[in-house]
Amino acid sequence: MLSRVGISRSPLILGVFNVRTLMVSSMLRNNEVKSSCKAGTVLNLKMRKSGDEPVALEDHEYPEWLWDCLDKEKLDQKLKETDFMKWRRKQITKANTAKINNNNFLAKMK
């Protein structure tokens, strides 16, 4: 009974993130990352009264690190290589948070 509750609850919470991850991974599999708007599109991100509206650039004009921001596996692997203890603490924190959430959910079921 307990395992069913944990399994059925996970997809509801992570469903939105799985779709986003799927989209990013499919773009990365093709080795061609495309931005969501065409070059020259006004982005409507103006922060100051003076100055022009920001305009989207060509994909090759953006820095390379920008395309890796959404790939959590790459970021996680890079953190593991650079600072293993920070990566490990992050893993332990995720596991503890999941355990606490599961215990809270089961406590409400009583």
PDB file of N, CA and C in Angstrom:
ATOM      1  N   MET A   1       0.824  -1.205   0.000  1.00  0.00           N
ATOM      2  CA  MET A   1       0.000   0.000   0.000  1.00  0.00           C
ATOM      3  C   MET A   1       0.854   1.249   0.000  1.00  0.00           C
ATOM      4  N   LEU A   2       1.895   1.266   0.795  1.00  0.00           N
ATOM      5  CA  LEU A   2       2.732   2.457   0.884  1.00  0.00           C
ATOM      6  C   LEU A   2       3.453   2.734  -0.417  1.00  0.00           C
ATOM      7  N   SER A   3       3.928   1.714  -1.102  1.00  0.00           N
ATOM      8  CA  SER A   3       4.643   1.940  -2.348  1.00  0.00           C
ATOM      9  C   SER A   3       3.711   2.474  -3.432  1.00  0.00           C
ATOM     10  N   ARG A   4       2.456   2.046  -3.424  1.00  0.00           N
ATOM     11  CA  ARG A   4       1.505   2.564  -4.403  1.00  0.00           C
ATOM     12  C   ARG A   4       1.286   4.056  -4.225  1.00  0.00           C
ATOM     13  N   VAL A   5       1.179   4.494  -3.000  1.00  0.00           N
ATOM     14  CA  VAL A   5       0.956   5.913  -2.727  1.00  0.00           C
ATOM     15  C   VAL A   5       2.128   6.734  -3.235  1.00  0.00           C
ATOM     16  N   GLY A   6       3.343   6.294  -2.962  1.00  0.00           N
ATOM     17  CA  GLY A   6       4.530   7.023  -3.399  1.00  0.00           C
ATOM     18  C   GLY A   6       4.654   7.055  -4.903  1.00  0.00           C
ATOM     19  N   ILE A   7       4.329   5.939  -5.567  1.00  0.00           N
ATOM     20  CA  ILE A   7       4.464   5.871  -7.018  1.00  0.00           C
ATOM     21  C   ILE A   7       3.386   6.703  -7.696  1.00  0.00           C
ATOM     22  N   SER A   8       2.165   6.629  -7.222  1.00  0.00           N
ATOM     23  CA  SER A   8       1.090   7.359  -7.881  1.00  0.00           C
ATOM     24  C   SER A   8       1.204   8.855  -7.650  1.00  0.00           C
ATOM     25  N   ARG A   9       1.875   9.259  -6.590  1.00  0.00           N
ATOM     26  CA  ARG A   9       1.982  10.677  -6.270  1.00  0.00           C
ATOM     27  C   ARG A   9       3.077  11.365  -7.083  1.00  0.00           C
ATOM     28  N   SER A  10       4.141  10.678  -7.399  1.00  0.00           N
ATOM     29  CA  SER A  10       5.287  11.282  -8.076  1.00  0.00           C
ATOM     30  C   SER A  10       4.954  11.849  -9.451  1.00  0.00           C
ATOM     31  N   PRO A  11       4.279  11.129 -10.345  1.00  0.00           N
ATOM     32  CA  PRO A  11       4.021  11.689 -11.667  1.00  0.00           C
ATOM     33  C   PRO A  11       3.162  12.943 -11.640  1.00  0.00           C
ATOM     34  N   LEU A  12       2.279  13.067 -10.645  1.00  0.00           N
ATOM     35  CA  LEU A  12       1.451  14.260 -10.578  1.00  0.00           C
ATOM     36  C   LEU A  12       2.288  15.503 -10.317  1.00  0.00           C
ATOM     37  N   ILE A  13       3.273  15.376  -9.458  1.00  0.00           N
ATOM     38  CA  ILE A  13       4.111  16.513  -9.111  1.00  0.00           C
ATOM     39  C   ILE A  13       5.125  16.791 -10.216  1.00  0.00           C
ATOM     40  N   LEU A  14       5.694  15.756 -10.786  1.00  0.00           N
ATOM     41  CA  LEU A  14       6.772  15.924 -11.743  1.00  0.00           C
ATOM     42  C   LEU A  14       6.298  15.950 -13.189  1.00  0.00           C
ATOM     43  N   GLY A  15       5.001  15.851 -13.449  1.00  0.00           N
ATOM     44  CA  GLY A  15       4.500  15.788 -14.807  1.00  0.00           C
ATOM     45  C   GLY A  15       4.895  16.972 -15.667  1.00  0.00           C
ATOM     46  N   VAL A  16       4.802  18.176 -15.134  1.00  0.00           N
ATOM     47  CA  VAL A  16       5.136  19.376 -15.901  1.00  0.00           C
ATOM     48  C   VAL A  16       6.621  19.398 -16.232  1.00  0.00           C
ATOM     49  N   PHE A  17       7.451  19.013 -15.273  1.00  0.00           N
ATOM     50  CA  PHE A  17       8.888  19.044 -15.486  1.00  0.00           C
ATOM     51  C   PHE A  17       9.321  17.991 -16.490  1.00  0.00           C
ATOM     52  N   ASN A  18       8.636  16.848 -16.520  1.00  0.00           N
ATOM     53  CA  ASN A  18       8.996  15.804 -17.472  1.00  0.00           C
ATOM     54  C   ASN A  18       8.774  16.267 -18.902  1.00  0.00           C
ATOM     55  N   VAL A  19       7.721  17.020 -19.150  1.00  0.00           N
ATOM     56  CA  VAL A  19       7.455  17.533 -20.491  1.00  0.00           C
ATOM     57  C   VAL A  19       8.558  18.498 -20.904  1.00  0.00           C
ATOM     58  N   ARG A  20       8.957  19.388 -20.008  1.00  0.00           N
ATOM     59  CA  ARG A  20      10.016  20.341 -20.309  1.00  0.00           C
ATOM     60  C   ARG A  20      11.339  19.623 -20.548  1.00  0.00           C
ATOM     61  N   THR A  21      11.652  18.648 -19.721  1.00  0.00           N
ATOM     62  CA  THR A  21      12.887  17.889 -19.884  1.00  0.00           C
ATOM     63  C   THR A  21      12.879  17.137 -21.198  1.00  0.00           C
ATOM     64  N   LEU A  22      11.719  16.594 -21.564  1.00  0.00           N
ATOM     65  CA  LEU A  22      11.603  15.871 -22.819  1.00  0.00           C
ATOM     66  C   LEU A  22      11.865  16.795 -23.992  1.00  0.00           C
ATOM     67  N   MET A  23      11.329  18.014 -23.950  1.00  0.00           N
ATOM     68  CA  MET A  23      11.538  18.962 -25.037  1.00  0.00           C
ATOM     69  C   MET A  23      13.012  19.323 -25.158  1.00  0.00           C
ATOM     70  N   VAL A  24      13.665  19.597 -24.047  1.00  0.00           N
ATOM     71  CA  VAL A  24      15.072  19.968 -24.062  1.00  0.00           C
ATOM     72  C   VAL A  24      15.924  18.807 -24.543  1.00  0.00           C
ATOM     73  N   SER A  25      15.639  17.598 -24.052  1.00  0.00           N
ATOM     74  CA  SER A  25      16.453  16.450 -24.447  1.00  0.00           C
ATOM     75  C   SER A  25      16.272  16.133 -25.925  1.00  0.00           C
ATOM     76  N   SER A  26      15.073  16.329 -26.469  1.00  0.00           N
ATOM     77  CA  SER A  26      14.881  16.073 -27.898  1.00  0.00           C
ATOM     78  C   SER A  26      15.631  17.099 -28.729  1.00  0.00           C
ATOM     79  N   MET A  27      15.707  18.344 -28.260  1.00  0.00           N
ATOM     80  CA  MET A  27      16.482  19.350 -28.976  1.00  0.00           C
ATOM     81  C   MET A  27      17.967  19.016 -28.913  1.00  0.00           C
ATOM     82  N   LEU A  28      18.430  18.546 -27.768  1.00  0.00           N
ATOM     83  CA  LEU A  28      19.847  18.235 -27.612  1.00  0.00           C
ATOM     84  C   LEU A  28      20.234  16.981 -28.390  1.00  0.00           C
ATOM     85  N   ARG A  29      19.319  16.036 -28.551  1.00  0.00           N
ATOM     86  CA  ARG A  29      19.612  14.835 -29.321  1.00  0.00           C
ATOM     87  C   ARG A  29      19.890  15.173 -30.776  1.00  0.00           C
ATOM     88  N   ASN A  30      19.205  16.168 -31.304  1.00  0.00           N
ATOM     89  CA  ASN A  30      19.388  16.569 -32.691  1.00  0.00           C
ATOM     90  C   ASN A  30      20.652  17.401 -32.880  1.00  0.00           C
ATOM     91  N   ASN A  31      21.331  17.750 -31.798  1.00  0.00           N
ATOM     92  CA  ASN A  31      22.539  18.579 -31.811  1.00  0.00           C
ATOM     93  C   ASN A  31      22.316  19.941 -32.444  1.00  0.00           C
ATOM     94  N   GLU A  32      21.108  20.373 -32.531  1.00  0.00           N
ATOM     95  CA  GLU A  32      20.840  21.707 -33.004  1.00  0.00           C
ATOM     96  C   GLU A  32      19.857  22.355 -32.047  1.00  0.00           C
ATOM     97  N   VAL A  33      20.318  23.317 -31.327  1.00  0.00           N
ATOM     98  CA  VAL A  33      19.472  24.013 -30.377  1.00  0.00           C
ATOM     99  C   VAL A  33      18.938  25.243 -31.075  1.00  0.00           C
ATOM    100  N   LYS A  34      17.642  25.400 -31.048  1.00  0.00           N
ATOM    101  CA  LYS A  34      17.027  26.549 -31.700  1.00  0.00           C
ATOM    102  C   LYS A  34      16.317  27.384 -30.653  1.00  0.00           C
ATOM    103  N   SER A  35      16.433  28.689 -30.781  1.00  0.00           N
ATOM    104  CA  SER A  35      15.719  29.556 -29.862  1.00  0.00           C
ATOM    105  C   SER A  35      14.243  29.573 -30.233  1.00  0.00           C
ATOM    106  N   SER A  36      13.423  30.029 -29.311  1.00  0.00           N
ATOM    107  CA  SER A  36      11.985  29.976 -29.531  1.00  0.00           C
ATOM    108  C   SER A  36      11.465  31.137 -30.377  1.00  0.00           C
ATOM    109  N   CYS A  37      12.282  32.155 -30.596  1.00  0.00           N
ATOM    110  CA  CYS A  37      11.830  33.270 -31.426  1.00  0.00           C
ATOM    111  C   CYS A  37      12.876  33.573 -32.502  1.00  0.00           C
ATOM    112  N   LYS A  38      12.423  34.094 -33.611  1.00  0.00           N
ATOM    113  CA  LYS A  38      13.306  34.378 -34.741  1.00  0.00           C
ATOM    114  C   LYS A  38      14.165  35.600 -34.445  1.00  0.00           C
ATOM    115  N   ALA A  39      15.296  35.681 -35.132  1.00  0.00           N
ATOM    116  CA  ALA A  39      16.190  36.832 -34.980  1.00  0.00           C
ATOM    117  C   ALA A  39      15.465  38.093 -35.418  1.00  0.00           C
ATOM    118  N   GLY A  40      15.638  39.165 -34.664  1.00  0.00           N
ATOM    119  CA  GLY A  40      15.002  40.435 -34.979  1.00  0.00           C
ATOM    120  C   GLY A  40      13.680  40.656 -34.274  1.00  0.00           C
ATOM    121  N   THR A  41      13.188  39.661 -33.546  1.00  0.00           N
ATOM    122  CA  THR A  41      11.921  39.781 -32.826  1.00  0.00           C
ATOM    123  C   THR A  41      12.112  40.661 -31.599  1.00  0.00           C
ATOM    124  N   VAL A  42      11.221  41.627 -31.402  1.00  0.00           N
ATOM    125  CA  VAL A  42      11.272  42.480 -30.218  1.00  0.00           C
ATOM    126  C   VAL A  42      10.814  41.651 -29.023  1.00  0.00           C
ATOM    127  N   LEU A  43      11.607  41.653 -27.939  1.00  0.00           N
ATOM    128  CA  LEU A  43      11.350  40.763 -26.806  1.00  0.00           C
ATOM    129  C   LEU A  43      10.483  41.371 -25.705  1.00  0.00           C
ATOM    130  N   ASN A  44      10.189  42.658 -25.763  1.00  0.00           N
ATOM    131  CA  ASN A  44       9.372  43.343 -24.756  1.00  0.00           C
ATOM    132  C   ASN A  44       9.920  43.151 -23.343  1.00  0.00           C
ATOM    133  N   LEU A  45      11.210  43.333 -23.188  1.00  0.00           N
ATOM    134  CA  LEU A  45      11.869  43.198 -21.892  1.00  0.00           C
ATOM    135  C   LEU A  45      12.504  44.507 -21.450  1.00  0.00           C
ATOM    136  N   LYS A  46      12.002  45.617 -21.924  1.00  0.00           N
ATOM    137  CA  LYS A  46      12.590  46.917 -21.632  1.00  0.00           C
ATOM    138  C   LYS A  46      12.459  47.226 -20.141  1.00  0.00           C
ATOM    139  N   MET A  47      13.581  47.556 -19.507  1.00  0.00           N
ATOM    140  CA  MET A  47      13.597  47.831 -18.077  1.00  0.00           C
ATOM    141  C   MET A  47      13.691  49.323 -17.770  1.00  0.00           C
ATOM    142  N   ARG A  48      14.234  50.089 -18.683  1.00  0.00           N
ATOM    143  CA  ARG A  48      14.421  51.519 -18.453  1.00  0.00           C
ATOM    144  C   ARG A  48      13.568  52.320 -19.409  1.00  0.00           C
ATOM    145  N   LYS A  49      13.255  53.542 -19.007  1.00  0.00           N
ATOM    146  CA  LYS A  49      12.447  54.402 -19.860  1.00  0.00           C
ATOM    147  C   LYS A  49      13.200  54.778 -21.131  1.00  0.00           C
ATOM    148  N   SER A  50      14.471  55.068 -20.985  1.00  0.00           N
ATOM    149  CA  SER A  50      15.272  55.445 -22.143  1.00  0.00           C
ATOM    150  C   SER A  50      15.892  54.206 -22.763  1.00  0.00           C
ATOM    151  N   GLY A  51      16.158  54.255 -24.035  1.00  0.00           N
ATOM    152  CA  GLY A  51      16.790  53.132 -24.721  1.00  0.00           C
ATOM    153  C   GLY A  51      15.800  52.348 -25.562  1.00  0.00           C
ATOM    154  N   ASP A  52      16.345  51.451 -26.358  1.00  0.00           N
ATOM    155  CA  ASP A  52      15.530  50.652 -27.265  1.00  0.00           C
ATOM    156  C   ASP A  52      15.127  49.333 -26.619  1.00  0.00           C
ATOM    157  N   GLU A  53      14.100  48.744 -27.187  1.00  0.00           N
ATOM    158  CA  GLU A  53      13.666  47.420 -26.745  1.00  0.00           C
ATOM    159  C   GLU A  53      14.727  46.391 -27.150  1.00  0.00           C
ATOM    160  N   PRO A  54      14.977  45.386 -26.305  1.00  0.00           N
ATOM    161  CA  PRO A  54      15.909  44.328 -26.701  1.00  0.00           C
ATOM    162  C   PRO A  54      15.342  43.510 -27.863  1.00  0.00           C
ATOM    163  N   VAL A  55      16.241  43.092 -28.742  1.00  0.00           N
ATOM    164  CA  VAL A  55      15.849  42.340 -29.924  1.00  0.00           C
ATOM    165  C   VAL A  55      16.568  40.989 -29.897  1.00  0.00           C
ATOM    166  N   ALA A  56      15.876  39.932 -30.305  1.00  0.00           N
ATOM    167  CA  ALA A  56      16.465  38.594 -30.340  1.00  0.00           C
ATOM    168  C   ALA A  56      17.581  38.543 -31.379  1.00  0.00           C
ATOM    169  N   LEU A  57      18.643  37.795 -31.047  1.00  0.00           N
ATOM    170  CA  LEU A  57      19.786  37.633 -31.935  1.00  0.00           C
ATOM    171  C   LEU A  57      19.723  36.286 -32.637  1.00  0.00           C
ATOM    172  N   GLU A  58      20.641  36.071 -33.558  1.00  0.00           N
ATOM    173  CA  GLU A  58      20.785  34.761 -34.182  1.00  0.00           C
ATOM    174  C   GLU A  58      21.283  33.778 -33.126  1.00  0.00           C
ATOM    175  N   ASP A  59      20.999  32.506 -33.298  1.00  0.00           N
ATOM    176  CA  ASP A  59      21.388  31.497 -32.310  1.00  0.00           C
ATOM    177  C   ASP A  59      22.895  31.439 -32.095  1.00  0.00           C
ATOM    178  N   HIS A  60      23.681  31.612 -33.150  1.00  0.00           N
ATOM    179  CA  HIS A  60      25.135  31.506 -33.015  1.00  0.00           C
ATOM    180  C   HIS A  60      25.744  32.722 -32.317  1.00  0.00           C
ATOM    181  N   GLU A  61      24.990  33.800 -32.128  1.00  0.00           N
ATOM    182  CA  GLU A  61      25.490  35.001 -31.476  1.00  0.00           C
ATOM    183  C   GLU A  61      25.402  34.922 -29.945  1.00  0.00           C
ATOM    184  N   TYR A  62      24.660  33.964 -29.429  1.00  0.00           N
ATOM    185  CA  TYR A  62      24.542  33.790 -27.988  1.00  0.00           C
ATOM    186  C   TYR A  62      25.718  32.945 -27.477  1.00  0.00           C
ATOM    187  N   PRO A  63      26.109  33.117 -26.198  1.00  0.00           N
ATOM    188  CA  PRO A  63      27.208  32.292 -25.666  1.00  0.00           C
ATOM    189  C   PRO A  63      26.810  30.819 -25.556  1.00  0.00           C
ATOM    190  N   GLU A  64      27.799  29.929 -25.624  1.00  0.00           N
ATOM    191  CA  GLU A  64      27.543  28.488 -25.606  1.00  0.00           C
ATOM    192  C   GLU A  64      26.895  28.017 -24.293  1.00  0.00           C
ATOM    193  N   TRP A  65      27.273  28.617 -23.160  1.00  0.00           N
ATOM    194  CA  TRP A  65      26.750  28.161 -21.866  1.00  0.00           C
ATOM    195  C   TRP A  65      25.245  28.366 -21.754  1.00  0.00           C
ATOM    196  N   LEU A  66      24.689  29.286 -22.541  1.00  0.00           N
ATOM    197  CA  LEU A  66      23.259  29.573 -22.475  1.00  0.00           C
ATOM    198  C   LEU A  66      22.420  28.348 -22.856  1.00  0.00           C
ATOM    199  N   TRP A  67      22.912  27.559 -23.809  1.00  0.00           N
ATOM    200  CA  TRP A  67      22.132  26.423 -24.290  1.00  0.00           C
ATOM    201  C   TRP A  67      22.194  25.247 -23.323  1.00  0.00           C
ATOM    202  N   ASP A  68      23.126  25.278 -22.374  1.00  0.00           N
ATOM    203  CA  ASP A  68      23.240  24.191 -21.401  1.00  0.00           C
ATOM    204  C   ASP A  68      22.506  24.484 -20.097  1.00  0.00           C
ATOM    205  N   CYS A  69      21.908  25.644 -19.972  1.00  0.00           N
ATOM    206  CA  CYS A  69      21.258  26.033 -18.704  1.00  0.00           C
ATOM    207  C   CYS A  69      20.086  25.126 -18.335  1.00  0.00           C
ATOM    208  N   LEU A  70      19.368  24.627 -19.310  1.00  0.00           N
ATOM    209  CA  LEU A  70      18.192  23.802 -19.025  1.00  0.00           C
ATOM    210  C   LEU A  70      18.504  22.317 -18.950  1.00  0.00           C
ATOM    211  N   ASP A  71      19.700  21.916 -19.299  1.00  0.00           N
ATOM    212  CA  ASP A  71      20.075  20.515 -19.268  1.00  0.00           C
ATOM    213  C   ASP A  71      20.600  20.174 -17.873  1.00  0.00           C
ATOM    214  N   LYS A  72      19.715  19.667 -17.023  1.00  0.00           N
ATOM    215  CA  LYS A  72      20.060  19.408 -15.629  1.00  0.00           C
ATOM    216  C   LYS A  72      21.114  18.321 -15.488  1.00  0.00           C
ATOM    217  N   GLU A  73      21.124  17.352 -16.391  1.00  0.00           N
ATOM    218  CA  GLU A  73      22.118  16.281 -16.313  1.00  0.00           C
ATOM    219  C   GLU A  73      23.528  16.828 -16.533  1.00  0.00           C
ATOM    220  N   LYS A  74      23.675  17.726 -17.502  1.00  0.00           N
ATOM    221  CA  LYS A  74      24.992  18.329 -17.757  1.00  0.00           C
ATOM    222  C   LYS A  74      25.444  19.178 -16.572  1.00  0.00           C
ATOM    223  N   LEU A  75      24.531  19.972 -16.032  1.00  0.00           N
ATOM    224  CA  LEU A  75      24.883  20.810 -14.892  1.00  0.00           C
ATOM    225  C   LEU A  75      25.248  19.958 -13.680  1.00  0.00           C
ATOM    226  N   ASP A  76      24.509  18.881 -13.477  1.00  0.00           N
ATOM    227  CA  ASP A  76      24.777  17.989 -12.352  1.00  0.00           C
ATOM    228  C   ASP A  76      26.131  17.296 -12.518  1.00  0.00           C
ATOM    229  N   GLN A  77      26.420  16.860 -13.730  1.00  0.00           N
ATOM    230  CA  GLN A  77      27.710  16.211 -13.995  1.00  0.00           C
ATOM    231  C   GLN A  77      28.865  17.187 -13.817  1.00  0.00           C
ATOM    232  N   LYS A  78      28.679  18.424 -14.253  1.00  0.00           N
ATOM    233  CA  LYS A  78      29.729  19.435 -14.107  1.00  0.00           C
ATOM    234  C   LYS A  78      29.982  19.743 -12.629  1.00  0.00           C
ATOM    235  N   LEU A  79      28.916  19.842 -11.846  1.00  0.00           N
ATOM    236  CA  LEU A  79      29.067  20.084 -10.409  1.00  0.00           C
ATOM    237  C   LEU A  79      29.771  18.911  -9.741  1.00  0.00           C
ATOM    238  N   LYS A  80      29.451  17.698 -10.159  1.00  0.00           N
ATOM    239  CA  LYS A  80      30.083  16.513  -9.590  1.00  0.00           C
ATOM    240  C   LYS A  80      31.583  16.507  -9.867  1.00  0.00           C
ATOM    241  N   GLU A  81      31.981  16.954 -11.059  1.00  0.00           N
ATOM    242  CA  GLU A  81      33.396  16.985 -11.420  1.00  0.00           C
ATOM    243  C   GLU A  81      34.149  18.104 -10.708  1.00  0.00           C
ATOM    244  N   THR A  82      33.514  19.249 -10.542  1.00  0.00           N
ATOM    245  CA  THR A  82      34.211  20.397  -9.958  1.00  0.00           C
ATOM    246  C   THR A  82      34.211  20.379  -8.436  1.00  0.00           C
ATOM    247  N   ASP A  83      33.056  20.112  -7.812  1.00  0.00           N
ATOM    248  CA  ASP A  83      32.961  20.148  -6.356  1.00  0.00           C
ATOM    249  C   ASP A  83      32.123  18.954  -5.882  1.00  0.00           C
ATOM    250  N   PHE A  84      32.800  17.845  -5.638  1.00  0.00           N
ATOM    251  CA  PHE A  84      32.100  16.603  -5.305  1.00  0.00           C
ATOM    252  C   PHE A  84      31.304  16.723  -4.012  1.00  0.00           C
ATOM    253  N   MET A  85      31.853  17.386  -2.992  1.00  0.00           N
ATOM    254  CA  MET A  85      31.152  17.483  -1.705  1.00  0.00           C
ATOM    255  C   MET A  85      29.858  18.305  -1.830  1.00  0.00           C
ATOM    256  N   LYS A  86      29.894  19.369  -2.610  1.00  0.00           N
ATOM    257  CA  LYS A  86      28.685  20.171  -2.820  1.00  0.00           C
ATOM    258  C   LYS A  86      27.631  19.344  -3.551  1.00  0.00           C
ATOM    259  N   TRP A  87      28.072  18.565  -4.556  1.00  0.00           N
ATOM    260  CA  TRP A  87      27.161  17.703  -5.290  1.00  0.00           C
ATOM    261  C   TRP A  87      26.532  16.668  -4.356  1.00  0.00           C
ATOM    262  N   ARG A  88      27.359  16.080  -3.486  1.00  0.00           N
ATOM    263  CA  ARG A  88      26.869  15.061  -2.556  1.00  0.00           C
ATOM    264  C   ARG A  88      25.866  15.639  -1.560  1.00  0.00           C
ATOM    265  N   ARG A  89      26.169  16.837  -1.027  1.00  0.00           N
ATOM    266  CA  ARG A  89      25.225  17.493  -0.109  1.00  0.00           C
ATOM    267  C   ARG A  89      23.892  17.761  -0.805  1.00  0.00           C
ATOM    268  N   LYS A  90      23.961  18.151  -2.073  1.00  0.00           N
ATOM    269  CA  LYS A  90      22.744  18.412  -2.838  1.00  0.00           C
ATOM    270  C   LYS A  90      21.920  17.135  -2.996  1.00  0.00           C
ATOM    271  N   GLN A  91      22.592  16.007  -3.254  1.00  0.00           N
ATOM    272  CA  GLN A  91      21.896  14.727  -3.381  1.00  0.00           C
ATOM    273  C   GLN A  91      21.247  14.307  -2.065  1.00  0.00           C
ATOM    274  N   ILE A  92      21.964  14.492  -0.969  1.00  0.00           N
ATOM    275  CA  ILE A  92      21.435  14.135   0.359  1.00  0.00           C
ATOM    276  C   ILE A  92      20.238  15.019   0.701  1.00  0.00           C
ATOM    277  N   THR A  93      20.331  16.301   0.384  1.00  0.00           N
ATOM    278  CA  THR A  93      19.222  17.224   0.643  1.00  0.00           C
ATOM    279  C   THR A  93      17.983  16.828  -0.149  1.00  0.00           C
ATOM    280  N   LYS A  94      18.156  16.461  -1.410  1.00  0.00           N
ATOM    281  CA  LYS A  94      17.018  16.013  -2.227  1.00  0.00           C
ATOM    282  C   LYS A  94      16.369  14.764  -1.635  1.00  0.00           C
ATOM    283  N   ALA A  95      17.207  13.815  -1.215  1.00  0.00           N
ATOM    284  CA  ALA A  95      16.678  12.579  -0.646  1.00  0.00           C
ATOM    285  C   ALA A  95      15.938  12.854   0.657  1.00  0.00           C
ATOM    286  N   ASN A  96      16.497  13.705   1.502  1.00  0.00           N
ATOM    287  CA  ASN A  96      15.839  14.033   2.777  1.00  0.00           C
ATOM    288  C   ASN A  96      14.523  14.765   2.549  1.00  0.00           C
ATOM    289  N   THR A  97      14.497  15.683   1.597  1.00  0.00           N
ATOM    290  CA  THR A  97      13.270  16.420   1.288  1.00  0.00           C
ATOM    291  C   THR A  97      12.186  15.474   0.788  1.00  0.00           C
ATOM    292  N   ALA A  98      12.564  14.555  -0.085  1.00  0.00           N
ATOM    293  CA  ALA A  98      11.598  13.582  -0.601  1.00  0.00           C
ATOM    294  C   ALA A  98      11.060  12.702   0.523  1.00  0.00           C
ATOM    295  N   LYS A  99      11.931  12.303   1.434  1.00  0.00           N
ATOM    296  CA  LYS A  99      11.510  11.462   2.556  1.00  0.00           C
ATOM    297  C   LYS A  99      10.560  12.218   3.483  1.00  0.00           C
ATOM    298  N   ILE A 100      10.867  13.476   3.764  1.00  0.00           N
ATOM    299  CA  ILE A 100      10.000  14.303   4.616  1.00  0.00           C
ATOM    300  C   ILE A 100       8.643  14.503   3.959  1.00  0.00           C
ATOM    301  N   ASN A 101       8.635  14.802   2.656  1.00  0.00           N
ATOM    302  CA  ASN A 101       7.363  14.994   1.945  1.00  0.00           C
ATOM    303  C   ASN A 101       6.526  13.721   1.954  1.00  0.00           C
ATOM    304  N   ASN A 102       7.187  12.596   1.763  1.00  0.00           N
ATOM    305  CA  ASN A 102       6.468  11.323   1.782  1.00  0.00           C
ATOM    306  C   ASN A 102       5.885  11.055   3.162  1.00  0.00           C
ATOM    307  N   ASN A 103       6.668  11.286   4.222  1.00  0.00           N
ATOM    308  CA  ASN A 103       6.175  11.072   5.582  1.00  0.00           C
ATOM    309  C   ASN A 103       5.016  12.007   5.913  1.00  0.00           C
ATOM    310  N   ASN A 104       5.105  13.255   5.479  1.00  0.00           N
ATOM    311  CA  ASN A 104       4.002  14.206   5.705  1.00  0.00           C
ATOM    312  C   ASN A 104       2.737  13.760   4.974  1.00  0.00           C
ATOM    313  N   PHE A 105       2.905  13.285   3.754  1.00  0.00           N
ATOM    314  CA  PHE A 105       1.752  12.826   2.991  1.00  0.00           C
ATOM    315  C   PHE A 105       1.098  11.619   3.665  1.00  0.00           C
ATOM    316  N   LEU A 106       1.938  10.694   4.138  1.00  0.00           N
ATOM    317  CA  LEU A 106       1.394   9.508   4.786  1.00  0.00           C
ATOM    318  C   LEU A 106       0.742   9.854   6.123  1.00  0.00           C
ATOM    319  N   ALA A 107       1.252  10.869   6.809  1.00  0.00           N
ATOM    320  CA  ALA A 107       0.655  11.284   8.082  1.00  0.00           C
ATOM    321  C   ALA A 107      -0.747  11.865   7.852  1.00  0.00           C
ATOM    322  N   LYS A 108      -0.940  12.527   6.727  1.00  0.00           N
ATOM    323  CA  LYS A 108      -2.272  13.087   6.435  1.00  0.00           C
ATOM    324  C   LYS A 108      -3.273  11.996   6.067  1.00  0.00           C
ATOM    325  N   MET A 109      -2.781  10.856   5.620  1.00  0.00           N
ATOM    326  CA  MET A 109      -3.666   9.769   5.195  1.00  0.00           C
ATOM    327  C   MET A 109      -4.319   9.066   6.373  1.00  0.00           C
ATOM    328  N   LYS A 110      -3.770   9.193   7.573  1.00  0.00           N
ATOM    329  CA  LYS A 110      -4.304   8.505   8.746  1.00  0.00           C
ATOM    330  C   LYS A 110      -5.629   9.009   9.168  1.00  0.00           C
TER     331      LYS A 110
END
